[in-house]
Structure formats: C-alpha cells, structure tokens
Amino acid sequence: MKLIAAKMAEIAETMRVERKQMAKQHEETKIGEITAGQVLGGIRGVPAMICDTSTVNPDEGLRIRNIPILELTKAQPEDIFFLLCTGAFPNDAERTELHDMFTRNSSVPYYVWNVLEAMPRDSHPMVMLSTAILVMERESNFRRAYDSGKAKDKMWMYMLEDSFLLLSRITTIAAAIYRMRFDKGERIQPRTDLDWGANFAYMLGLPDTNSRFTELIRMYLVLHSDHEGGNVSAFTANTVSSALSDLFYSFSAAMNGLAGPLHGLANQECLSFVLELHEKFGGVPSDEELTKELWGLLNGGQVIPGYGHAVLRVTDPRFTAFYNFGKQNCVDDKVFGIVDKLFQIAPKVLTEHGKAKNVWPNVDAASGSLLNYYGMTEFEFYTVMFGVSRAMGISAQLVLARASGAPITRPKGLTTPGIKKLLGMS
C-alpha cells in the first residue's frame, strides 16, 4: 500500500491545511440560504457538507472527480476507486499495487460464513450483507489504531487500510450471499488472476460465454460507485464515521439506509413494472397500447417507474450507458425492448401531462433489465449489487473525511412549534 499511501499523504496534508484556513477565515461567511420548504422537505438541496469525490449537476448528471461519468464506462473499478480517493488515475505501478491489495485481502474470515449460515434461510439479502459487514468490524485497523492512541491526523491511513479490507471481501461475501440465499450451489472462491469486477462476475456463477456479463458487471460497479455525499446511504456513512466509528460500522449503517424503498429498491421496482407490461401484453406492447397504459398510471395518481429524478433535469447519463449496452447486446430481448419503447414514449407522455419536473429516465429504468437478461432474475439481490458498487464511493469519502479532519456531524434540530413561530404561524 506504499504507493497509494504516499499519494494520499500529500493530499491529506493539503486538505487539512485548506480546511483549517477556510474555517478560520470564513467562519461567518454565508454560502447559501435555507428555506422552510427545504427543512420541511428533508433538507433537500441544502449546501451543508463537503464531498470531493463526485458532483451531480441537474443539467448534466454525475461527474467523478469532475470527469463526466460517460467518459468512465470502460474504466476498471479499481481505477475508479483510486480516482475517487486521489483525483487521478493510477499509473502502472499503482495499478499493480491495487491488484495486489485486493487479492491479498480477499479471504473472508470463517466466522462471517458461520454467522451467514446460521441466519434464517429466508433472510433478506441486504440484511445478510449488512450483518456480514458489521460482524467483520473486529478486523478494523482503524479501531485498533484509535484504541492504541494514534494521532487523529494519521487516522486516514487506517481508514484506507479498512477500505481495502472491505472492498476486497465485499464481492466474495455478496456473491456467496447470492448463491446461498437463492440455492445456486457452493460458494465460488475468488481467483488471483482476475480483476475486481471480473472476479465478482465469476463468483456469482452465472453463464458468461462471451464475457458480456463480466463487462456489464464492471460497468455497473463504475456507474453506481458514487453519487455525491447527500444521498441516504452516503450521508448515513459520513454521519456515523464523523463520530470516529470505523468503516465497518459506517458502511453497515449505510447499507441499512440503502435497503429502504425510497433509495436502493428503485431498480427492482422498475424491472417489476417492465415485467408486468411484458406479461400483460404478451411481449412488447404497441406504441398505442403503451401510451394508453402510461396515461392510465398518471391519471390514477401514480408515477412511471424509472422516470424523473430528485436532482437531474436531463436523461441520467448512467441510463444512457446502460441503454447503449442493451442496444448492443440485448437487441432481441423483449424485456429490454419494453425499456427501449418506454424511453421513446414515456417522456412525451410526461411532457404532455405537464406535472413532472423531469420527464427523462434515471439509471434505474435500465439497470435491472440488463441483470435480468444475463440470468440474475432474483429482484431481492439487486440492492446488494448496488451496495457492492457504492462501497467504493463511500470508502473514498470516509478516507477523505479523515484526511481533511472533518468534524462530527451535528445539525440543529427545530421543533414544529418553533418553526411555526419562525414562519409567523403562531
């Protein structure tokens, strides 16, 4: 880990100095206003945290370290983790070190398997993932370093070590959960000759005769790796970590947030909608049939799953990446055919309806259909896939938080009578 740590050491020193200077010189400088609507609406859009790993522009979409996500779809996931942490791609020596770190730490402790095997057979895959990560907390280098009195400005190094432990093992754990929970057979051990994404695809054990599934998994890991720090899972991890809890505590908590229907279940719900259309119309509906169906949803007060986004006002570029992959590899699949037809018709219907702030598809409108095409038909596992990918962004965010000396998160709470008084309502 010497090369990566050396690069991070330079970044950490700069971040700490800049943060202290800004806090001292601009303690009273206002950077925005908060409205009652934002407070009452879940503090949506309030500029209240630092996230250097990625940004989401409403008119453009996700950028990883200021690089548009569509320029990164062919990148290796390991390279993306390095980019998230350092702001640069690894050179050949750093890439070799990355592979070595992921390979060296891939062995999962025996007690994790004991716990997973002792859980009820119908446990939700996300419960199994969160539990496995939390059980591994005893492996935390961060906690041992803190307990031994290491200086706080050096704690980022141990968070980085924990990140390698987590990322190296989470694919093995997630793939094993898939095979255990859905009766796919024995666990498949990781290989030392495969990259991180390819190893994950291999351990899932699904057919991959032309390596397209491996390509999809690599791209999936990249596209879902990070999405600013204010989403439920990342914000949860940052909040827990701000109390100097280690990565295992923080990431397990994040996965409990990701499991919620309003966060990580969207791709599952989108695919359910597509499959319902497939069953109802016996395949791909005609333009007229689909248009009528969508108007029925909207007139009934429902939404079109996969369309609209809390932040974006354009087609999610991650959808574009998945959509293009589907057009190249799933052209004869009727389920993807419905995804394609929805993309042609849903925005027009929503525009005519006139109430949606964003009529364009988000990433969830396509991702589930591709997993389904390659044989992963178990909806309950899709959020685990999301969680494996998001481990990269969350880990990088927490490494940087410790590197910069980020303080504990502690927003001010308001009572309902108090905010009514502020609004002149009482």
Protein backbone atom coordinates (compact mmCIF):
# COMPACT_ATOMS: atom_id res chain seq x y z
CA MET A 1 0.00 0.00 0.00
CA LYS A 2 3.08 2.24 -0.05
CA LEU A 3 2.42 3.96 -3.39
CA ILE A 4 -1.21 4.71 -2.71
CA ALA A 5 -0.48 5.85 0.85
CA ALA A 6 2.28 8.17 -0.37
CA LYS A 7 -0.07 9.88 -2.82
CA MET A 8 -2.81 10.12 -0.19
CA ALA A 9 -0.33 11.61 2.33
CA GLU A 10 0.28 14.57 0.03
CA ILE A 11 -3.44 15.07 -0.46
CA ALA A 12 -4.21 14.75 3.26
CA GLU A 13 -1.78 17.45 4.30
CA THR A 14 -3.15 19.90 1.71
CA MET A 15 -6.75 19.13 2.63
CA ARG A 16 -6.20 19.64 6.35
CA VAL A 17 -4.41 22.95 5.88
CA GLU A 18 -7.02 24.28 3.45
CA ARG A 19 -9.90 23.21 5.64
CA LYS A 20 -8.45 24.85 8.76
CA GLN A 21 -7.70 28.06 6.87
CA MET A 22 -11.19 28.27 5.39
CA ALA A 23 -12.83 27.53 8.73
CA LYS A 24 -10.76 30.23 10.43
CA GLN A 25 -11.00 32.93 7.80
CA HIS A 26 -14.60 32.41 6.70
CA GLU A 27 -16.34 31.25 9.84
CA GLU A 28 -19.15 33.80 9.40
CA THR A 29 -19.29 33.84 5.58
CA LYS A 30 -22.70 32.83 4.25
CA ILE A 31 -22.70 30.34 1.36
CA GLY A 32 -26.45 29.92 0.94
CA GLU A 33 -29.91 30.37 2.37
CA ILE A 34 -32.18 27.71 3.83
CA THR A 35 -35.90 27.85 3.16
CA ALA A 36 -38.68 26.38 5.23
CA GLY A 37 -39.51 24.17 2.28
CA GLN A 38 -36.04 22.64 2.39
CA VAL A 39 -36.21 22.00 6.12
CA LEU A 40 -39.70 20.51 5.88
CA GLY A 41 -38.74 18.59 2.74
CA GLY A 42 -35.91 16.56 4.25
CA ILE A 43 -33.18 19.28 3.98
CA ARG A 44 -33.16 18.62 0.23
CA GLY A 45 -30.64 20.72 -1.63
CA VAL A 46 -29.19 22.41 1.47
CA PRO A 47 -25.43 23.02 0.91
CA ALA A 48 -24.31 21.52 4.19
CA MET A 49 -21.43 19.11 3.57
CA ILE A 50 -18.23 18.69 1.59
CA CYS A 51 -17.97 15.91 -0.98
CA ASP A 52 -14.87 15.98 -3.18
CA THR A 53 -15.37 12.59 -4.85
CA SER A 54 -18.27 13.45 -7.16
CA THR A 55 -20.82 16.06 -8.12
CA VAL A 56 -24.27 15.89 -9.71
CA ASN A 57 -25.24 18.80 -11.95
CA PRO A 58 -29.01 18.97 -12.65
CA ASP A 59 -28.34 19.79 -16.30
CA GLU A 60 -25.56 17.28 -16.89
CA GLY A 61 -25.53 14.44 -14.38
CA LEU A 62 -22.80 12.66 -12.46
CA ARG A 63 -19.13 13.61 -12.61
CA ILE A 64 -16.49 11.56 -10.82
CA ARG A 65 -13.69 13.91 -9.81
CA ASN A 66 -15.01 16.33 -12.43
CA ILE A 67 -14.94 13.71 -15.20
CA PRO A 68 -18.35 13.04 -16.84
CA ILE A 69 -19.45 9.52 -15.97
CA LEU A 70 -19.97 8.59 -19.63
CA GLU A 71 -16.21 9.00 -20.14
CA LEU A 72 -15.53 6.37 -17.48
CA THR A 73 -17.72 3.47 -18.56
CA LYS A 74 -14.74 1.44 -19.86
CA ALA A 75 -12.60 2.04 -16.77
CA GLN A 76 -11.69 -0.71 -14.35
CA PRO A 77 -13.50 -0.39 -10.99
CA GLU A 78 -10.14 -0.45 -9.14
CA ASP A 79 -9.02 2.55 -11.16
CA ILE A 80 -12.23 4.34 -10.20
CA PHE A 81 -11.56 3.75 -6.50
CA PHE A 82 -8.08 5.21 -6.92
CA LEU A 83 -9.56 8.15 -8.83
CA LEU A 84 -12.17 8.74 -6.13
CA CYS A 85 -9.52 8.83 -3.42
CA THR A 86 -6.75 10.78 -5.16
CA GLY A 87 -8.33 12.69 -8.03
CA ALA A 88 -6.08 10.93 -10.56
CA PHE A 89 -5.89 7.59 -12.35
CA PRO A 90 -3.25 5.12 -11.15
CA ASN A 91 -0.05 4.58 -13.11
CA ASP A 92 1.10 1.06 -13.93
CA ALA A 93 2.92 0.57 -10.64
CA GLU A 94 0.00 1.88 -8.62
CA ARG A 95 -2.42 -0.31 -10.59
CA THR A 96 -0.28 -3.36 -9.84
CA GLU A 97 -0.26 -2.45 -6.16
CA LEU A 98 -4.04 -2.05 -6.23
CA HIS A 99 -4.50 -5.53 -7.70
CA ASP A 100 -2.12 -6.94 -5.09
CA MET A 101 -4.02 -5.28 -2.25
CA PHE A 102 -7.37 -6.56 -3.48
CA THR A 103 -6.01 -10.08 -3.96
CA ARG A 104 -4.09 -10.26 -0.69
CA ASN A 105 -7.10 -9.27 1.41
CA SER A 106 -9.81 -11.28 -0.33
CA SER A 107 -10.01 -14.14 2.18
CA VAL A 108 -13.18 -13.79 4.27
CA PRO A 109 -12.91 -14.76 7.97
CA TYR A 110 -14.51 -18.09 8.85
CA TYR A 111 -16.82 -16.55 11.43
CA VAL A 112 -18.54 -14.46 8.75
CA TRP A 113 -19.61 -17.64 7.00
CA ASN A 114 -20.70 -19.14 10.32
CA VAL A 115 -22.97 -16.16 11.00
CA LEU A 116 -24.45 -16.11 7.49
CA GLU A 117 -25.10 -19.85 7.56
CA ALA A 118 -26.84 -19.51 10.93
CA MET A 119 -29.28 -16.88 9.65
CA PRO A 120 -32.82 -17.89 8.61
CA ARG A 121 -32.89 -19.15 5.03
CA ASP A 122 -35.42 -16.50 4.04
CA SER A 123 -33.38 -13.58 5.40
CA HIS A 124 -33.32 -10.62 3.04
CA PRO A 125 -30.00 -10.42 1.11
CA MET A 126 -29.47 -6.85 2.36
CA VAL A 127 -29.83 -8.00 5.97
CA MET A 128 -27.24 -10.67 5.24
CA LEU A 129 -24.85 -8.14 3.67
CA SER A 130 -25.21 -5.58 6.45
CA THR A 131 -24.76 -8.28 9.09
CA ALA A 132 -21.68 -9.75 7.43
CA ILE A 133 -20.03 -6.31 7.19
CA LEU A 134 -20.82 -5.49 10.81
CA VAL A 135 -19.54 -8.85 12.03
CA MET A 136 -16.22 -8.11 10.31
CA GLU A 137 -15.76 -4.99 12.44
CA ARG A 138 -13.34 -6.92 14.64
CA GLU A 139 -10.89 -6.75 11.70
CA SER A 140 -10.81 -2.95 11.70
CA ASN A 141 -7.31 -1.43 11.62
CA PHE A 142 -8.92 1.96 12.23
CA ARG A 143 -10.42 0.92 15.56
CA ARG A 144 -7.18 -0.71 16.72
CA ALA A 145 -5.21 2.39 15.74
CA TYR A 146 -7.59 4.69 17.60
CA ASP A 147 -7.61 2.46 20.69
CA SER A 148 -3.80 2.47 20.71
CA GLY A 149 -3.70 6.29 20.68
CA LYS A 150 -2.62 7.03 17.12
CA ALA A 151 -2.77 10.70 16.15
CA LYS A 152 -6.08 11.77 14.61
CA ASP A 153 -4.37 13.38 11.63
CA LYS A 154 -2.97 9.96 10.72
CA MET A 155 -6.23 8.05 11.06
CA TRP A 156 -6.95 8.31 7.33
CA MET A 157 -4.23 5.71 6.73
CA TYR A 158 -6.11 3.15 8.78
CA MET A 159 -9.40 4.08 7.13
CA LEU A 160 -7.65 3.39 3.82
CA GLU A 161 -6.48 0.00 5.11
CA ASP A 162 -10.04 -0.80 6.17
CA SER A 163 -11.24 0.25 2.72
CA PHE A 164 -9.03 -2.36 1.09
CA LEU A 165 -10.30 -4.97 3.52
CA LEU A 166 -13.92 -4.07 2.82
CA LEU A 167 -13.61 -3.80 -0.96
CA SER A 168 -11.52 -6.96 -1.25
CA ARG A 169 -14.05 -9.02 0.67
CA ILE A 170 -17.43 -7.50 -0.16
CA THR A 171 -17.55 -9.07 -3.62
CA THR A 172 -16.77 -12.50 -2.19
CA ILE A 173 -19.40 -12.02 0.52
CA ALA A 174 -22.04 -10.65 -1.84
CA ALA A 175 -21.52 -13.43 -4.38
CA ALA A 176 -21.74 -16.02 -1.60
CA ILE A 177 -24.97 -14.45 -0.33
CA TYR A 178 -26.41 -14.73 -3.83
CA ARG A 179 -25.51 -18.41 -4.06
CA MET A 180 -26.60 -19.25 -0.50
CA ARG A 181 -29.85 -17.30 -0.48
CA PHE A 182 -31.08 -18.47 -3.88
CA ASP A 183 -29.82 -22.08 -3.81
CA LYS A 184 -27.20 -21.64 -6.52
CA GLY A 185 -24.76 -24.15 -5.06
CA GLU A 186 -21.49 -23.91 -3.17
CA ARG A 187 -19.56 -20.69 -2.73
CA ILE A 188 -17.10 -19.93 -5.52
CA GLN A 189 -13.66 -18.86 -4.35
CA PRO A 190 -12.02 -15.75 -5.83
CA ARG A 191 -9.22 -16.08 -8.37
CA THR A 192 -5.91 -14.26 -8.16
CA ASP A 193 -5.67 -13.70 -11.92
CA LEU A 194 -8.88 -11.67 -12.29
CA ASP A 195 -9.58 -8.00 -11.73
CA TRP A 196 -12.08 -6.96 -9.05
CA GLY A 197 -15.10 -6.68 -11.34
CA ALA A 198 -14.32 -9.87 -13.27
CA ASN A 199 -13.85 -11.77 -10.01
CA PHE A 200 -17.25 -10.63 -8.80
CA ALA A 201 -18.90 -11.77 -12.03
CA TYR A 202 -17.05 -15.10 -11.83
CA MET A 203 -18.05 -15.75 -8.19
CA LEU A 204 -21.74 -15.06 -8.92
CA GLY A 205 -21.57 -18.16 -11.11
CA LEU A 206 -23.92 -17.02 -13.88
CA PRO A 207 -23.29 -18.09 -17.51
CA ASP A 208 -20.91 -15.78 -19.33
CA THR A 209 -19.88 -17.43 -22.57
CA ASN A 210 -18.85 -14.23 -24.35
CA SER A 211 -17.70 -12.19 -21.29
CA ARG A 212 -20.52 -9.68 -21.82
CA PHE A 213 -21.83 -10.29 -18.29
CA THR A 214 -18.37 -9.52 -16.91
CA GLU A 215 -18.34 -6.33 -18.99
CA LEU A 216 -21.74 -5.40 -17.61
CA ILE A 217 -20.64 -6.02 -14.01
CA ARG A 218 -17.55 -3.86 -14.42
CA MET A 219 -19.65 -1.05 -15.88
CA TYR A 220 -22.33 -1.50 -13.20
CA LEU A 221 -19.71 -1.12 -10.45
CA VAL A 222 -18.38 2.05 -12.06
CA LEU A 223 -21.74 3.69 -12.76
CA HIS A 224 -23.07 3.13 -9.23
CA SER A 225 -19.80 3.83 -7.43
CA ASP A 226 -20.61 7.31 -6.14
CA HIS A 227 -23.32 9.98 -6.31
CA GLU A 228 -22.29 12.87 -4.05
CA GLY A 229 -22.47 12.61 -0.28
CA GLY A 230 -26.04 13.67 0.42
CA ASN A 231 -27.87 10.52 -0.65
CA VAL A 232 -29.19 8.42 2.22
CA SER A 233 -26.51 5.73 2.20
CA ALA A 234 -23.50 8.03 1.78
CA PHE A 235 -24.86 10.61 4.22
CA THR A 236 -25.51 7.89 6.78
CA ALA A 237 -21.97 6.56 6.42
CA ASN A 238 -20.50 10.05 6.73
CA THR A 239 -22.57 10.79 9.84
CA VAL A 240 -21.63 7.54 11.58
CA SER A 241 -17.99 7.92 10.60
CA SER A 242 -17.90 11.51 11.84
CA ALA A 243 -18.13 10.11 15.38
CA LEU A 244 -14.87 8.26 14.53
CA SER A 245 -16.66 4.97 14.11
CA ASP A 246 -14.71 2.72 11.76
CA LEU A 247 -15.62 1.82 8.19
CA PHE A 248 -17.40 -1.41 9.10
CA TYR A 249 -19.79 0.33 11.49
CA SER A 250 -20.32 3.12 9.00
CA PHE A 251 -20.82 1.02 5.88
CA SER A 252 -23.15 -1.44 7.59
CA ALA A 253 -25.29 1.52 8.65
CA ALA A 254 -25.20 2.86 5.10
CA MET A 255 -26.50 -0.43 3.74
CA ASN A 256 -29.45 -0.27 6.13
CA GLY A 257 -30.35 3.06 4.53
CA LEU A 258 -29.77 1.75 1.02
CA ALA A 259 -32.23 -1.06 1.72
CA GLY A 260 -35.10 1.42 2.02
CA PRO A 261 -37.77 1.51 -0.72
CA LEU A 262 -37.08 5.21 -1.40
CA HIS A 263 -33.38 4.65 -2.04
CA GLY A 264 -31.94 1.37 -3.26
CA LEU A 265 -35.03 -0.55 -4.35
CA ALA A 266 -35.83 1.60 -7.36
CA ASN A 267 -34.18 -0.64 -9.98
CA GLN A 268 -36.11 -3.61 -8.58
CA GLU A 269 -39.40 -1.69 -8.81
CA CYS A 270 -38.63 -0.52 -12.34
CA LEU A 271 -37.98 -4.04 -13.56
CA SER A 272 -41.16 -5.26 -11.86
CA PHE A 273 -43.09 -2.64 -13.84
CA VAL A 274 -41.46 -3.70 -17.10
CA LEU A 275 -42.16 -7.38 -16.45
CA GLU A 276 -45.79 -6.57 -15.63
CA LEU A 277 -46.09 -4.86 -19.01
CA HIS A 278 -44.48 -7.86 -20.67
CA GLU A 279 -46.97 -10.23 -19.05
CA LYS A 280 -49.98 -8.04 -19.72
CA PHE A 281 -49.26 -7.56 -23.43
CA GLY A 282 -47.55 -10.88 -24.09
CA GLY A 283 -44.32 -9.15 -25.11
CA VAL A 284 -43.56 -5.62 -26.26
CA PRO A 285 -46.75 -3.51 -26.38
CA SER A 286 -47.54 -1.34 -29.39
CA ASP A 287 -47.00 2.41 -29.19
CA GLU A 288 -50.74 2.90 -28.74
CA GLU A 289 -51.03 0.27 -26.00
CA LEU A 290 -48.09 1.64 -24.05
CA THR A 291 -49.25 5.24 -24.38
CA LYS A 292 -52.68 4.31 -23.07
CA GLU A 293 -51.11 2.34 -20.19
CA LEU A 294 -48.91 5.26 -19.13
CA TRP A 295 -51.79 7.72 -19.24
CA GLY A 296 -53.75 5.34 -17.06
CA LEU A 297 -50.99 5.39 -14.46
CA LEU A 298 -50.72 9.17 -14.44
CA ASN A 299 -54.46 9.75 -14.37
CA GLY A 300 -54.65 7.35 -11.44
CA GLY A 301 -52.21 9.48 -9.45
CA GLN A 302 -49.27 7.10 -9.93
CA VAL A 303 -45.81 7.66 -11.40
CA ILE A 304 -43.97 5.98 -14.24
CA PRO A 305 -41.24 3.92 -12.54
CA GLY A 306 -37.76 4.94 -13.60
CA TYR A 307 -38.75 8.37 -14.90
CA GLY A 308 -37.89 11.56 -13.07
CA HIS A 309 -35.08 12.28 -10.63
CA ALA A 310 -34.82 14.28 -7.41
CA VAL A 311 -31.88 16.29 -8.77
CA LEU A 312 -31.46 15.73 -12.51
CA ARG A 313 -33.39 17.57 -15.20
CA VAL A 314 -31.93 15.61 -18.11
CA THR A 315 -31.59 11.95 -19.07
CA ASP A 316 -29.38 10.34 -16.45
CA PRO A 317 -26.08 9.64 -18.25
CA ARG A 318 -25.86 6.36 -16.33
CA PHE A 319 -29.12 5.34 -18.02
CA THR A 320 -27.54 6.27 -21.33
CA ALA A 321 -24.59 3.96 -20.62
CA PHE A 322 -26.82 1.02 -19.70
CA TYR A 323 -29.18 1.76 -22.59
CA ASN A 324 -26.33 1.78 -25.11
CA PHE A 325 -25.04 -1.50 -23.68
CA GLY A 326 -28.51 -3.01 -24.06
CA LYS A 327 -28.85 -1.79 -27.64
CA GLN A 328 -25.57 -3.51 -28.46
CA ASN A 329 -26.08 -6.76 -26.56
CA CYS A 330 -29.78 -7.30 -25.79
CA VAL A 331 -31.44 -6.22 -29.01
CA ASP A 332 -33.55 -9.40 -29.29
CA ASP A 333 -34.67 -9.39 -25.64
CA LYS A 334 -38.34 -8.43 -25.28
CA VAL A 335 -37.88 -7.16 -21.76
CA PHE A 336 -35.20 -4.73 -22.90
CA GLY A 337 -37.43 -3.98 -25.88
CA ILE A 338 -40.00 -2.59 -23.44
CA VAL A 339 -37.29 -0.49 -21.76
CA ASP A 340 -36.41 0.86 -25.20
CA LYS A 341 -40.03 1.63 -26.07
CA LEU A 342 -40.61 3.32 -22.71
CA PHE A 343 -37.67 5.60 -23.48
CA GLN A 344 -39.30 6.58 -26.77
CA ILE A 345 -42.79 7.19 -25.35
CA ALA A 346 -42.71 7.99 -21.62
CA PRO A 347 -41.01 11.43 -21.92
CA LYS A 348 -43.62 12.50 -24.48
CA VAL A 349 -46.49 11.40 -22.25
CA LEU A 350 -44.98 13.09 -19.20
CA THR A 351 -44.35 16.29 -21.14
CA GLU A 352 -47.96 16.38 -22.30
CA HIS A 353 -49.15 15.58 -18.78
CA GLY A 354 -47.23 18.64 -17.62
CA LYS A 355 -46.73 17.95 -13.92
CA ALA A 356 -43.34 16.22 -13.83
CA LYS A 357 -40.28 18.38 -13.15
CA ASN A 358 -38.15 15.90 -15.05
CA VAL A 359 -39.58 13.70 -17.80
CA TRP A 360 -36.36 11.79 -18.53
CA PRO A 361 -35.25 8.33 -17.34
CA ASN A 362 -32.90 7.74 -14.43
CA VAL A 363 -30.38 4.92 -14.07
CA ASP A 364 -32.92 2.52 -12.57
CA ALA A 365 -35.02 2.49 -15.73
CA ALA A 366 -32.48 0.23 -17.45
CA SER A 367 -30.10 -1.44 -14.99
CA GLY A 368 -32.44 -4.15 -13.70
CA SER A 369 -33.45 -5.29 -17.18
CA LEU A 370 -29.81 -5.99 -18.06
CA LEU A 371 -29.17 -8.02 -14.91
CA ASN A 372 -32.36 -9.93 -15.69
CA TYR A 373 -31.18 -10.63 -19.25
CA TYR A 374 -27.98 -12.27 -18.03
CA GLY A 375 -29.81 -14.55 -15.61
CA MET A 376 -29.93 -12.61 -12.36
CA THR A 377 -33.70 -12.77 -12.02
CA GLU A 378 -33.80 -12.53 -8.22
CA PHE A 379 -35.02 -8.98 -7.57
CA GLU A 380 -34.15 -9.01 -3.88
CA PHE A 381 -30.46 -9.19 -4.72
CA TYR A 382 -30.35 -6.07 -6.87
CA THR A 383 -29.83 -3.74 -3.92
CA VAL A 384 -26.86 -5.85 -2.83
CA MET A 385 -25.35 -5.21 -6.26
CA PHE A 386 -25.92 -1.50 -5.70
CA GLY A 387 -24.27 -1.76 -2.27
CA VAL A 388 -21.17 -3.52 -3.58
CA SER A 389 -20.66 -0.73 -6.09
CA ARG A 390 -21.37 2.09 -3.64
CA ALA A 391 -18.71 0.65 -1.29
CA MET A 392 -16.11 2.37 -3.48
CA GLY A 393 -17.57 5.86 -3.19
CA ILE A 394 -18.42 5.60 0.49
CA SER A 395 -14.98 4.23 1.37
CA ALA A 396 -13.27 7.01 -0.58
CA GLN A 397 -15.47 9.67 1.04
CA LEU A 398 -14.60 8.43 4.52
CA VAL A 399 -10.87 8.25 3.77
CA LEU A 400 -11.00 11.86 2.60
CA ALA A 401 -13.11 12.92 5.58
CA ARG A 402 -10.48 11.60 7.97
CA ALA A 403 -7.68 13.04 5.82
CA SER A 404 -9.22 16.53 5.97
CA GLY A 405 -10.01 16.35 9.69
CA ALA A 406 -13.76 16.60 9.16
CA PRO A 407 -15.65 17.27 12.43
CA ILE A 408 -18.55 15.36 13.89
CA THR A 409 -21.85 15.95 12.08
CA ARG A 410 -24.33 17.79 14.29
CA PRO A 411 -27.10 19.79 12.57
CA LYS A 412 -29.52 21.86 14.60
CA GLY A 413 -32.98 20.47 15.20
CA LEU A 414 -36.17 22.56 15.20
CA THR A 415 -39.46 21.83 16.90
CA THR A 416 -42.70 22.12 14.94
CA PRO A 417 -43.92 24.94 17.22
CA GLY A 418 -40.54 26.60 16.81
CA ILE A 419 -40.64 26.59 13.03
CA LYS A 420 -44.25 27.78 13.09
CA LYS A 421 -43.08 30.74 15.14
CA LEU A 422 -40.32 31.47 12.64
CA LEU A 423 -42.91 31.38 9.85
CA GLY A 424 -45.27 33.71 11.70
CA MET A 425 -47.90 30.98 12.05
CA SER A 426 -48.33 31.32 15.83
